Amino acid sequence: MIRPVLRLLAYIALAMAIIAAVLDAARSVGASHLVTTSLQESWQSLSASSLSLVEAYFKAHFYPVLWDPMMLWVLEAPTFVIFAILAFLLYALGYRRESRVGRFAAR
């Protein structure tokens, strides 16, 4: 039951990665140089208040020193890279391997 949900979330994350990559590509063509949008910029343009809420929650419930080196590094990464990595991880978690018996062997 959980594997289809993980795969669905992976497909949604992949769609978000593709949308972010297309937007960055269009901006790059318009600017005549490579333009990438960080996750922080994307998040702030959608909902700046939720970003500050996540920061406050992270600092209150987790080790606050980790916010600066780890989360700021993730937030400065390009949006399409973060969503592509998230899609890969979710799909890997929801992947069901085929049995090792083989297609033509009796089961």
PDB file of N, CA and C in Angstrom:
ATOM      1  N   MET A   1       0.813  -1.193   0.000  1.00  0.00           N
ATOM      2  CA  MET A   1       0.000   0.000   0.000  1.00  0.00           C
ATOM      3  C   MET A   1       0.862   1.265   0.000  1.00  0.00           C
ATOM      4  N   ILE A   2       2.000   1.213   0.657  1.00  0.00           N
ATOM      5  CA  ILE A   2       2.843   2.410   0.743  1.00  0.00           C
ATOM      6  C   ILE A   2       3.659   2.624  -0.541  1.00  0.00           C
ATOM      7  N   ARG A   3       3.983   1.552  -1.240  1.00  0.00           N
ATOM      8  CA  ARG A   3       4.810   1.708  -2.443  1.00  0.00           C
ATOM      9  C   ARG A   3       4.142   2.524  -3.541  1.00  0.00           C
ATOM     10  N   PRO A   4       2.861   2.310  -3.819  1.00  0.00           N
ATOM     11  CA  PRO A   4       2.234   3.181  -4.833  1.00  0.00           C
ATOM     12  C   PRO A   4       2.204   4.645  -4.427  1.00  0.00           C
ATOM     13  N   VAL A   5       2.040   4.916  -3.136  1.00  0.00           N
ATOM     14  CA  VAL A   5       2.045   6.303  -2.662  1.00  0.00           C
ATOM     15  C   VAL A   5       3.423   6.924  -2.848  1.00  0.00           C
ATOM     16  N   LEU A   6       4.461   6.161  -2.534  1.00  0.00           N
ATOM     17  CA  LEU A   6       5.822   6.669  -2.718  1.00  0.00           C
ATOM     18  C   LEU A   6       6.115   6.933  -4.193  1.00  0.00           C
ATOM     19  N   ARG A   7       5.657   6.028  -5.064  1.00  0.00           N
ATOM     20  CA  ARG A   7       5.874   6.248  -6.498  1.00  0.00           C
ATOM     21  C   ARG A   7       5.098   7.447  -7.006  1.00  0.00           C
ATOM     22  N   LEU A   8       3.874   7.644  -6.507  1.00  0.00           N
ATOM     23  CA  LEU A   8       3.089   8.816  -6.895  1.00  0.00           C
ATOM     24  C   LEU A   8       3.802  10.095  -6.458  1.00  0.00           C
ATOM     25  N   LEU A   9       4.303  10.116  -5.235  1.00  0.00           N
ATOM     26  CA  LEU A   9       5.056  11.282  -4.760  1.00  0.00           C
ATOM     27  C   LEU A   9       6.326  11.494  -5.574  1.00  0.00           C
ATOM     28  N   ALA A  10       6.943  10.398  -6.014  1.00  0.00           N
ATOM     29  CA  ALA A  10       8.133  10.514  -6.857  1.00  0.00           C
ATOM     30  C   ALA A  10       7.783  11.140  -8.204  1.00  0.00           C
ATOM     31  N   TYR A  11       6.659  10.743  -8.786  1.00  0.00           N
ATOM     32  CA  TYR A  11       6.241  11.327 -10.066  1.00  0.00           C
ATOM     33  C   TYR A  11       5.890  12.806  -9.913  1.00  0.00           C
ATOM     34  N   ILE A  12       5.289  13.167  -8.794  1.00  0.00           N
ATOM     35  CA  ILE A  12       4.977  14.582  -8.549  1.00  0.00           C
ATOM     36  C   ILE A  12       6.269  15.386  -8.380  1.00  0.00           C
ATOM     37  N   ALA A  13       7.232  14.836  -7.645  1.00  0.00           N
ATOM     38  CA  ALA A  13       8.520  15.525  -7.473  1.00  0.00           C
ATOM     39  C   ALA A  13       9.260  15.638  -8.800  1.00  0.00           C
ATOM     40  N   LEU A  14       9.161  14.607  -9.636  1.00  0.00           N
ATOM     41  CA  LEU A  14       9.796  14.670 -10.955  1.00  0.00           C
ATOM     42  C   LEU A  14       9.135  15.737 -11.824  1.00  0.00           C
ATOM     43  N   ALA A  15       7.815  15.838 -11.758  1.00  0.00           N
ATOM     44  CA  ALA A  15       7.116  16.882 -12.510  1.00  0.00           C
ATOM     45  C   ALA A  15       7.542  18.266 -12.031  1.00  0.00           C
ATOM     46  N   MET A  16       7.691  18.432 -10.727  1.00  0.00           N
ATOM     47  CA  MET A  16       8.151  19.712 -10.186  1.00  0.00           C
ATOM     48  C   MET A  16       9.576  20.021 -10.654  1.00  0.00           C
ATOM     49  N   ALA A  17      10.425  18.998 -10.705  1.00  0.00           N
ATOM     50  CA  ALA A  17      11.801  19.197 -11.181  1.00  0.00           C
ATOM     51  C   ALA A  17      11.812  19.626 -12.643  1.00  0.00           C
ATOM     52  N   ILE A  18      10.968  19.013 -13.444  1.00  0.00           N
ATOM     53  CA  ILE A  18      10.912  19.359 -14.865  1.00  0.00           C
ATOM     54  C   ILE A  18      10.387  20.775 -15.049  1.00  0.00           C
ATOM     55  N   ILE A  19       9.358  21.141 -14.297  1.00  0.00           N
ATOM     56  CA  ILE A  19       8.817  22.502 -14.390  1.00  0.00           C
ATOM     57  C   ILE A  19       9.878  23.526 -13.988  1.00  0.00           C
ATOM     58  N   ALA A  20      10.592  23.267 -12.910  1.00  0.00           N
ATOM     59  CA  ALA A  20      11.641  24.194 -12.466  1.00  0.00           C
ATOM     60  C   ALA A  20      12.771  24.276 -13.492  1.00  0.00           C
ATOM     61  N   ALA A  21      13.127  23.147 -14.101  1.00  0.00           N
ATOM     62  CA  ALA A  21      14.192  23.155 -15.109  1.00  0.00           C
ATOM     63  C   ALA A  21      13.767  23.935 -16.355  1.00  0.00           C
ATOM     64  N   VAL A  22      12.518  23.790 -16.763  1.00  0.00           N
ATOM     65  CA  VAL A  22      12.025  24.530 -17.933  1.00  0.00           C
ATOM     66  C   VAL A  22      11.987  26.024 -17.642  1.00  0.00           C
ATOM     67  N   LEU A  23      11.554  26.403 -16.454  1.00  0.00           N
ATOM     68  CA  LEU A  23      11.548  27.825 -16.088  1.00  0.00           C
ATOM     69  C   LEU A  23      12.964  28.396 -16.068  1.00  0.00           C
ATOM     70  N   ASP A  24      13.908  27.653 -15.500  1.00  0.00           N
ATOM     71  CA  ASP A  24      15.298  28.109 -15.489  1.00  0.00           C
ATOM     72  C   ASP A  24      15.865  28.183 -16.903  1.00  0.00           C
ATOM     73  N   ALA A  25      15.505  27.229 -17.744  1.00  0.00           N
ATOM     74  CA  ALA A  25      15.986  27.257 -19.135  1.00  0.00           C
ATOM     75  C   ALA A  25      15.426  28.460 -19.883  1.00  0.00           C
ATOM     76  N   ALA A  26      14.155  28.766 -19.665  1.00  0.00           N
ATOM     77  CA  ALA A  26      13.563  29.930 -20.330  1.00  0.00           C
ATOM     78  C   ALA A  26      14.218  31.223 -19.845  1.00  0.00           C
ATOM     79  N   ARG A  27      14.469  31.307 -18.549  1.00  0.00           N
ATOM     80  CA  ARG A  27      15.154  32.503 -18.020  1.00  0.00           C
ATOM     81  C   ARG A  27      16.583  32.591 -18.534  1.00  0.00           C
ATOM     82  N   SER A  28      17.236  31.456 -18.691  1.00  0.00           N
ATOM     83  CA  SER A  28      18.609  31.446 -19.201  1.00  0.00           C
ATOM     84  C   SER A  28      18.662  31.905 -20.653  1.00  0.00           C
ATOM     85  N   VAL A  29      17.695  31.486 -21.449  1.00  0.00           N
ATOM     86  CA  VAL A  29      17.658  31.918 -22.842  1.00  0.00           C
ATOM     87  C   VAL A  29      17.404  33.416 -22.915  1.00  0.00           C
ATOM     88  N   GLY A  30      16.509  33.912 -22.089  1.00  0.00           N
ATOM     89  CA  GLY A  30      16.212  35.343 -22.083  1.00  0.00           C
ATOM     90  C   GLY A  30      17.374  36.186 -21.606  1.00  0.00           C
ATOM     91  N   ALA A  31      18.155  35.670 -20.671  1.00  0.00           N
ATOM     92  CA  ALA A  31      19.268  36.434 -20.114  1.00  0.00           C
ATOM     93  C   ALA A  31      20.579  36.198 -20.860  1.00  0.00           C
ATOM     94  N   SER A  32      20.616  35.233 -21.754  1.00  0.00           N
ATOM     95  CA  SER A  32      21.806  34.874 -22.536  1.00  0.00           C
ATOM     96  C   SER A  32      22.954  34.357 -21.672  1.00  0.00           C
ATOM     97  N   HIS A  33      22.642  33.900 -20.479  1.00  0.00           N
ATOM     98  CA  HIS A  33      23.610  33.211 -19.634  1.00  0.00           C
ATOM     99  C   HIS A  33      22.839  32.294 -18.685  1.00  0.00           C
ATOM    100  N   LEU A  34      23.553  31.388 -18.044  1.00  0.00           N
ATOM    101  CA  LEU A  34      22.907  30.392 -17.197  1.00  0.00           C
ATOM    102  C   LEU A  34      22.285  31.051 -15.961  1.00  0.00           C
ATOM    103  N   VAL A  35      20.992  30.803 -15.780  1.00  0.00           N
ATOM    104  CA  VAL A  35      20.262  31.324 -14.633  1.00  0.00           C
ATOM    105  C   VAL A  35      19.608  30.138 -13.933  1.00  0.00           C
ATOM    106  N   THR A  36      19.925  29.968 -12.651  1.00  0.00           N
ATOM    107  CA  THR A  36      19.266  28.930 -11.863  1.00  0.00           C
ATOM    108  C   THR A  36      18.593  29.587 -10.664  1.00  0.00           C
ATOM    109  N   THR A  37      17.449  29.069 -10.317  1.00  0.00           N
ATOM    110  CA  THR A  37      16.699  29.588  -9.187  1.00  0.00           C
ATOM    111  C   THR A  37      16.921  28.675  -8.001  1.00  0.00           C
ATOM    112  N   SER A  38      17.355  29.240  -6.889  1.00  0.00           N
ATOM    113  CA  SER A  38      17.589  28.430  -5.701  1.00  0.00           C
ATOM    114  C   SER A  38      16.248  28.020  -5.088  1.00  0.00           C
ATOM    115  N   LEU A  39      16.288  26.993  -4.285  1.00  0.00           N
ATOM    116  CA  LEU A  39      15.083  26.521  -3.613  1.00  0.00           C
ATOM    117  C   LEU A  39      14.532  27.597  -2.683  1.00  0.00           C
ATOM    118  N   GLN A  40      15.423  28.349  -2.069  1.00  0.00           N
ATOM    119  CA  GLN A  40      14.999  29.419  -1.168  1.00  0.00           C
ATOM    120  C   GLN A  40      14.235  30.506  -1.927  1.00  0.00           C
ATOM    121  N   GLU A  41      14.716  30.891  -3.100  1.00  0.00           N
ATOM    122  CA  GLU A  41      14.018  31.895  -3.901  1.00  0.00           C
ATOM    123  C   GLU A  41      12.654  31.385  -4.344  1.00  0.00           C
ATOM    124  N   SER A  42      12.601  30.130  -4.772  1.00  0.00           N
ATOM    125  CA  SER A  42      11.329  29.554  -5.202  1.00  0.00           C
ATOM    126  C   SER A  42      10.346  29.488  -4.050  1.00  0.00           C
ATOM    127  N   TRP A  43      10.828  29.064  -2.892  1.00  0.00           N
ATOM    128  CA  TRP A  43       9.965  28.922  -1.724  1.00  0.00           C
ATOM    129  C   TRP A  43       9.469  30.286  -1.255  1.00  0.00           C
ATOM    130  N   GLN A  44      10.354  31.276  -1.259  1.00  0.00           N
ATOM    131  CA  GLN A  44       9.952  32.615  -0.830  1.00  0.00           C
ATOM    132  C   GLN A  44       8.938  33.222  -1.784  1.00  0.00           C
ATOM    133  N   SER A  45       9.051  32.941  -3.066  1.00  0.00           N
ATOM    134  CA  SER A  45       8.081  33.498  -3.999  1.00  0.00           C
ATOM    135  C   SER A  45       6.710  32.847  -3.843  1.00  0.00           C
ATOM    136  N   LEU A  46       6.672  31.601  -3.383  1.00  0.00           N
ATOM    137  CA  LEU A  46       5.394  30.922  -3.179  1.00  0.00           C
ATOM    138  C   LEU A  46       4.786  31.240  -1.815  1.00  0.00           C
ATOM    139  N   SER A  47       5.592  31.134  -0.755  1.00  0.00           N
ATOM    140  CA  SER A  47       5.077  31.359   0.599  1.00  0.00           C
ATOM    141  C   SER A  47       6.248  31.666   1.537  1.00  0.00           C
ATOM    142  N   ALA A  48       6.500  32.937   1.715  1.00  0.00           N
ATOM    143  CA  ALA A  48       7.623  33.346   2.566  1.00  0.00           C
ATOM    144  C   ALA A  48       7.359  33.027   4.035  1.00  0.00           C
ATOM    145  N   SER A  49       6.109  33.075   4.457  1.00  0.00           N
ATOM    146  CA  SER A  49       5.804  32.820   5.865  1.00  0.00           C
ATOM    147  C   SER A  49       6.051  31.359   6.234  1.00  0.00           C
ATOM    148  N   SER A  50       5.779  30.434   5.306  1.00  0.00           N
ATOM    149  CA  SER A  50       6.008  29.022   5.624  1.00  0.00           C
ATOM    150  C   SER A  50       7.502  28.715   5.726  1.00  0.00           C
ATOM    151  N   LEU A  51       8.316  29.417   4.958  1.00  0.00           N
ATOM    152  CA  LEU A  51       9.757  29.228   5.062  1.00  0.00           C
ATOM    153  C   LEU A  51      10.258  29.642   6.442  1.00  0.00           C
ATOM    154  N   SER A  52       9.774  30.748   6.949  1.00  0.00           N
ATOM    155  CA  SER A  52      10.193  31.176   8.284  1.00  0.00           C
ATOM    156  C   SER A  52       9.639  30.242   9.358  1.00  0.00           C
ATOM    157  N   LEU A  53       8.450  29.687   9.141  1.00  0.00           N
ATOM    158  CA  LEU A  53       7.899  28.721  10.094  1.00  0.00           C
ATOM    159  C   LEU A  53       8.724  27.445  10.128  1.00  0.00           C
ATOM    160  N   VAL A  54       9.163  26.976   8.971  1.00  0.00           N
ATOM    161  CA  VAL A  54       9.993  25.771   8.916  1.00  0.00           C
ATOM    162  C   VAL A  54      11.335  26.032   9.586  1.00  0.00           C
ATOM    163  N   GLU A  55      11.895  27.203   9.367  1.00  0.00           N
ATOM    164  CA  GLU A  55      13.167  27.539  10.018  1.00  0.00           C
ATOM    165  C   GLU A  55      13.016  27.562  11.531  1.00  0.00           C
ATOM    166  N   ALA A  56      11.949  28.174  12.024  1.00  0.00           N
ATOM    167  CA  ALA A  56      11.721  28.234  13.472  1.00  0.00           C
ATOM    168  C   ALA A  56      11.479  26.842  14.046  1.00  0.00           C
ATOM    169  N   TYR A  57      10.717  26.014  13.339  1.00  0.00           N
ATOM    170  CA  TYR A  57      10.450  24.654  13.810  1.00  0.00           C
ATOM    171  C   TYR A  57      11.733  23.835  13.837  1.00  0.00           C
ATOM    172  N   PHE A  58      12.546  23.961  12.789  1.00  0.00           N
ATOM    173  CA  PHE A  58      13.786  23.199  12.703  1.00  0.00           C
ATOM    174  C   PHE A  58      14.740  23.597  13.819  1.00  0.00           C
ATOM    175  N   LYS A  59      14.838  24.884  14.076  1.00  0.00           N
ATOM    176  CA  LYS A  59      15.741  25.350  15.131  1.00  0.00           C
ATOM    177  C   LYS A  59      15.238  24.984  16.519  1.00  0.00           C
ATOM    178  N   ALA A  60      13.920  24.877  16.702  1.00  0.00           N
ATOM    179  CA  ALA A  60      13.372  24.554  18.015  1.00  0.00           C
ATOM    180  C   ALA A  60      13.413  23.063  18.326  1.00  0.00           C
ATOM    181  N   HIS A  61      13.186  22.209  17.323  1.00  0.00           N
ATOM    182  CA  HIS A  61      13.053  20.779  17.582  1.00  0.00           C
ATOM    183  C   HIS A  61      14.277  19.949  17.211  1.00  0.00           C
ATOM    184  N   PHE A  62      15.156  20.487  16.427  1.00  0.00           N
ATOM    185  CA  PHE A  62      16.377  19.785  16.054  1.00  0.00           C
ATOM    186  C   PHE A  62      17.568  20.581  16.562  1.00  0.00           C
ATOM    187  N   TYR A  63      18.736  20.088  16.300  1.00  0.00           N
ATOM    188  CA  TYR A  63      19.944  20.782  16.728  1.00  0.00           C
ATOM    189  C   TYR A  63      20.075  22.080  15.939  1.00  0.00           C
ATOM    190  N   PRO A  64      19.985  23.244  16.565  1.00  0.00           N
ATOM    191  CA  PRO A  64      19.922  24.506  15.829  1.00  0.00           C
ATOM    192  C   PRO A  64      21.171  24.829  15.019  1.00  0.00           C
ATOM    193  N   VAL A  65      22.296  24.300  15.414  1.00  0.00           N
ATOM    194  CA  VAL A  65      23.528  24.615  14.682  1.00  0.00           C
ATOM    195  C   VAL A  65      23.516  23.972  13.292  1.00  0.00           C
ATOM    196  N   LEU A  66      22.737  22.917  13.124  1.00  0.00           N
ATOM    197  CA  LEU A  66      22.668  22.260  11.818  1.00  0.00           C
ATOM    198  C   LEU A  66      21.934  23.091  10.777  1.00  0.00           C
ATOM    199  N   TRP A  67      21.145  24.070  11.194  1.00  0.00           N
ATOM    200  CA  TRP A  67      20.407  24.865  10.225  1.00  0.00           C
ATOM    201  C   TRP A  67      21.359  25.614   9.299  1.00  0.00           C
ATOM    202  N   ASP A  68      22.397  26.237   9.867  1.00  0.00           N
ATOM    203  CA  ASP A  68      23.277  27.050   9.037  1.00  0.00           C
ATOM    204  C   ASP A  68      24.054  26.228   8.015  1.00  0.00           C
ATOM    205  N   PRO A  69      24.799  25.208   8.393  1.00  0.00           N
ATOM    206  CA  PRO A  69      25.577  24.539   7.345  1.00  0.00           C
ATOM    207  C   PRO A  69      24.732  23.624   6.446  1.00  0.00           C
ATOM    208  N   MET A  70      23.789  22.901   7.008  1.00  0.00           N
ATOM    209  CA  MET A  70      23.093  21.888   6.225  1.00  0.00           C
ATOM    210  C   MET A  70      21.902  22.462   5.457  1.00  0.00           C
ATOM    211  N   MET A  71      20.969  23.054   6.157  1.00  0.00           N
ATOM    212  CA  MET A  71      19.748  23.512   5.501  1.00  0.00           C
ATOM    213  C   MET A  71      19.995  24.698   4.581  1.00  0.00           C
ATOM    214  N   LEU A  72      20.894  25.568   4.941  1.00  0.00           N
ATOM    215  CA  LEU A  72      21.183  26.681   4.046  1.00  0.00           C
ATOM    216  C   LEU A  72      21.864  26.199   2.772  1.00  0.00           C
ATOM    217  N   TRP A  73      22.657  25.130   2.883  1.00  0.00           N
ATOM    218  CA  TRP A  73      23.262  24.552   1.683  1.00  0.00           C
ATOM    219  C   TRP A  73      22.176  23.958   0.779  1.00  0.00           C
ATOM    220  N   VAL A  74      21.206  23.291   1.374  1.00  0.00           N
ATOM    221  CA  VAL A  74      20.099  22.714   0.586  1.00  0.00           C
ATOM    222  C   VAL A  74      19.256  23.823  -0.025  1.00  0.00           C
ATOM    223  N   LEU A  75      18.987  24.870   0.725  1.00  0.00           N
ATOM    224  CA  LEU A  75      18.167  25.961   0.209  1.00  0.00           C
ATOM    225  C   LEU A  75      18.862  26.758  -0.890  1.00  0.00           C
ATOM    226  N   GLU A  76      20.180  26.763  -0.920  1.00  0.00           N
ATOM    227  CA  GLU A  76      20.904  27.481  -1.974  1.00  0.00           C
ATOM    228  C   GLU A  76      21.067  26.654  -3.248  1.00  0.00           C
ATOM    229  N   ALA A  77      20.778  25.378  -3.190  1.00  0.00           N
ATOM    230  CA  ALA A  77      20.889  24.512  -4.376  1.00  0.00           C
ATOM    231  C   ALA A  77      19.769  24.849  -5.357  1.00  0.00           C
ATOM    232  N   PRO A  78      19.993  24.587  -6.647  1.00  0.00           N
ATOM    233  CA  PRO A  78      18.929  24.831  -7.633  1.00  0.00           C
ATOM    234  C   PRO A  78      17.692  23.983  -7.332  1.00  0.00           C
ATOM    235  N   THR A  79      16.547  24.560  -7.581  1.00  0.00           N
ATOM    236  CA  THR A  79      15.278  23.910  -7.274  1.00  0.00           C
ATOM    237  C   THR A  79      15.128  22.596  -8.015  1.00  0.00           C
ATOM    238  N   PHE A  80      15.485  22.578  -9.304  1.00  0.00           N
ATOM    239  CA  PHE A  80      15.278  21.359 -10.077  1.00  0.00           C
ATOM    240  C   PHE A  80      16.172  20.220  -9.591  1.00  0.00           C
ATOM    241  N   VAL A  81      17.338  20.533  -9.061  1.00  0.00           N
ATOM    242  CA  VAL A  81      18.230  19.489  -8.541  1.00  0.00           C
ATOM    243  C   VAL A  81      17.641  18.859  -7.283  1.00  0.00           C
ATOM    244  N   ILE A  82      17.125  19.681  -6.394  1.00  0.00           N
ATOM    245  CA  ILE A  82      16.552  19.171  -5.145  1.00  0.00           C
ATOM    246  C   ILE A  82      15.340  18.290  -5.433  1.00  0.00           C
ATOM    247  N   PHE A  83      14.458  18.737  -6.334  1.00  0.00           N
ATOM    248  CA  PHE A  83      13.283  17.925  -6.646  1.00  0.00           C
ATOM    249  C   PHE A  83      13.655  16.667  -7.423  1.00  0.00           C
ATOM    250  N   ALA A  84      14.691  16.713  -8.251  1.00  0.00           N
ATOM    251  CA  ALA A  84      15.125  15.507  -8.961  1.00  0.00           C
ATOM    252  C   ALA A  84      15.705  14.479  -7.985  1.00  0.00           C
ATOM    253  N   ILE A  85      16.485  14.928  -7.030  1.00  0.00           N
ATOM    254  CA  ILE A  85      17.033  14.014  -6.018  1.00  0.00           C
ATOM    255  C   ILE A  85      15.907  13.433  -5.164  1.00  0.00           C
ATOM    256  N   LEU A  86      14.943  14.280  -4.790  1.00  0.00           N
ATOM    257  CA  LEU A  86      13.800  13.808  -4.013  1.00  0.00           C
ATOM    258  C   LEU A  86      12.994  12.775  -4.801  1.00  0.00           C
ATOM    259  N   ALA A  87      12.805  13.008  -6.091  1.00  0.00           N
ATOM    260  CA  ALA A  87      12.077  12.052  -6.928  1.00  0.00           C
ATOM    261  C   ALA A  87      12.815  10.725  -7.004  1.00  0.00           C
ATOM    262  N   PHE A  88      14.121  10.782  -7.161  1.00  0.00           N
ATOM    263  CA  PHE A  88      14.908   9.551  -7.219  1.00  0.00           C
ATOM    264  C   PHE A  88      14.813   8.764  -5.914  1.00  0.00           C
ATOM    265  N   LEU A  89      14.943   9.456  -4.786  1.00  0.00           N
ATOM    266  CA  LEU A  89      14.877   8.775  -3.492  1.00  0.00           C
ATOM    267  C   LEU A  89      13.498   8.175  -3.233  1.00  0.00           C
ATOM    268  N   LEU A  90      12.449   8.919  -3.543  1.00  0.00           N
ATOM    269  CA  LEU A  90      11.103   8.385  -3.344  1.00  0.00           C
ATOM    270  C   LEU A  90      10.825   7.193  -4.251  1.00  0.00           C
ATOM    271  N   TYR A  91      11.292   7.271  -5.497  1.00  0.00           N
ATOM    272  CA  TYR A  91      11.074   6.146  -6.412  1.00  0.00           C
ATOM    273  C   TYR A  91      11.879   4.929  -5.968  1.00  0.00           C
ATOM    274  N   ALA A  92      13.086   5.158  -5.494  1.00  0.00           N
ATOM    275  CA  ALA A  92      13.906   4.038  -5.015  1.00  0.00           C
ATOM    276  C   ALA A  92      13.268   3.371  -3.805  1.00  0.00           C
ATOM    277  N   LEU A  93      12.654   4.159  -2.934  1.00  0.00           N
ATOM    278  CA  LEU A  93      11.974   3.583  -1.776  1.00  0.00           C
ATOM    279  C   LEU A  93      10.711   2.821  -2.183  1.00  0.00           C
ATOM    280  N   GLY A  94      10.048   3.261  -3.236  1.00  0.00           N
ATOM    281  CA  GLY A  94       8.814   2.621  -3.661  1.00  0.00           C
ATOM    282  C   GLY A  94       8.995   1.573  -4.732  1.00  0.00           C
ATOM    283  N   TYR A  95      10.228   1.311  -5.131  1.00  0.00           N
ATOM    284  CA  TYR A  95      10.494   0.361  -6.207  1.00  0.00           C
ATOM    285  C   TYR A  95      10.319  -1.072  -5.715  1.00  0.00           C
ATOM    286  N   ARG A  96       9.678  -1.894  -6.528  1.00  0.00           N
ATOM    287  CA  ARG A  96       9.511  -3.298  -6.191  1.00  0.00           C
ATOM    288  C   ARG A  96      10.319  -4.121  -7.176  1.00  0.00           C
ATOM    289  N   ARG A  97      11.304  -4.838  -6.645  1.00  0.00           N
ATOM    290  CA  ARG A  97      12.154  -5.646  -7.510  1.00  0.00           C
ATOM    291  C   ARG A  97      11.406  -6.868  -8.001  1.00  0.00           C
ATOM    292  N   GLU A  98      11.767  -7.283  -9.217  1.00  0.00           N
ATOM    293  CA  GLU A  98      11.199  -8.521  -9.730  1.00  0.00           C
ATOM    294  C   GLU A  98      11.859  -9.691  -9.016  1.00  0.00           C
ATOM    295  N   SER A  99      11.152 -10.803  -8.978  1.00  0.00           N
ATOM    296  CA  SER A  99      11.702 -11.963  -8.301  1.00  0.00           C
ATOM    297  C   SER A  99      12.925 -12.484  -9.063  1.00  0.00           C
ATOM    298  N   ARG A 100      13.819 -13.115  -8.354  1.00  0.00           N
ATOM    299  CA  ARG A 100      15.061 -13.591  -8.953  1.00  0.00           C
ATOM    300  C   ARG A 100      14.864 -14.918  -9.686  1.00  0.00           C
ATOM    301  N   VAL A 101      13.671 -15.454  -9.639  1.00  0.00           N
ATOM    302  CA  VAL A 101      13.420 -16.759 -10.240  1.00  0.00           C
ATOM    303  C   VAL A 101      13.553 -16.684 -11.756  1.00  0.00           C
ATOM    304  N   GLY A 102      13.083 -15.628 -12.347  1.00  0.00           N
ATOM    305  CA  GLY A 102      13.145 -15.494 -13.795  1.00  0.00           C
ATOM    306  C   GLY A 102      11.756 -15.577 -14.387  1.00  0.00           C
ATOM    307  N   ARG A 103      11.624 -15.106 -15.615  1.00  0.00           N
ATOM    308  CA  ARG A 103      10.296 -15.040 -16.214  1.00  0.00           C
ATOM    309  C   ARG A 103       9.783 -16.409 -16.625  1.00  0.00           C
ATOM    310  N   PHE A 104      10.669 -17.302 -17.067  1.00  0.00           N
ATOM    311  CA  PHE A 104      10.219 -18.556 -17.640  1.00  0.00           C
ATOM    312  C   PHE A 104      10.327 -19.737 -16.687  1.00  0.00           C
ATOM    313  N   ALA A 105      10.756 -19.489 -15.482  1.00  0.00           N
ATOM    314  CA  ALA A 105      10.880 -20.587 -14.503  1.00  0.00           C
ATOM    315  C   ALA A 105       9.518 -20.855 -13.866  1.00  0.00           C
ATOM    316  N   ALA A 106       9.324 -22.092 -13.444  1.00  0.00           N
ATOM    317  CA  ALA A 106       8.091 -22.452 -12.769  1.00  0.00           C
ATOM    318  C   ALA A 106       8.108 -21.854 -11.367  1.00  0.00           C
ATOM    319  N   ARG A 107       6.980 -21.439 -10.922  1.00  0.00           N
ATOM    320  CA  ARG A 107       6.906 -20.795  -9.595  1.00  0.00           C
ATOM    321  C   ARG A 107       6.186 -21.656  -8.648  1.00  0.00           C
TER     322      ARG A 107
END
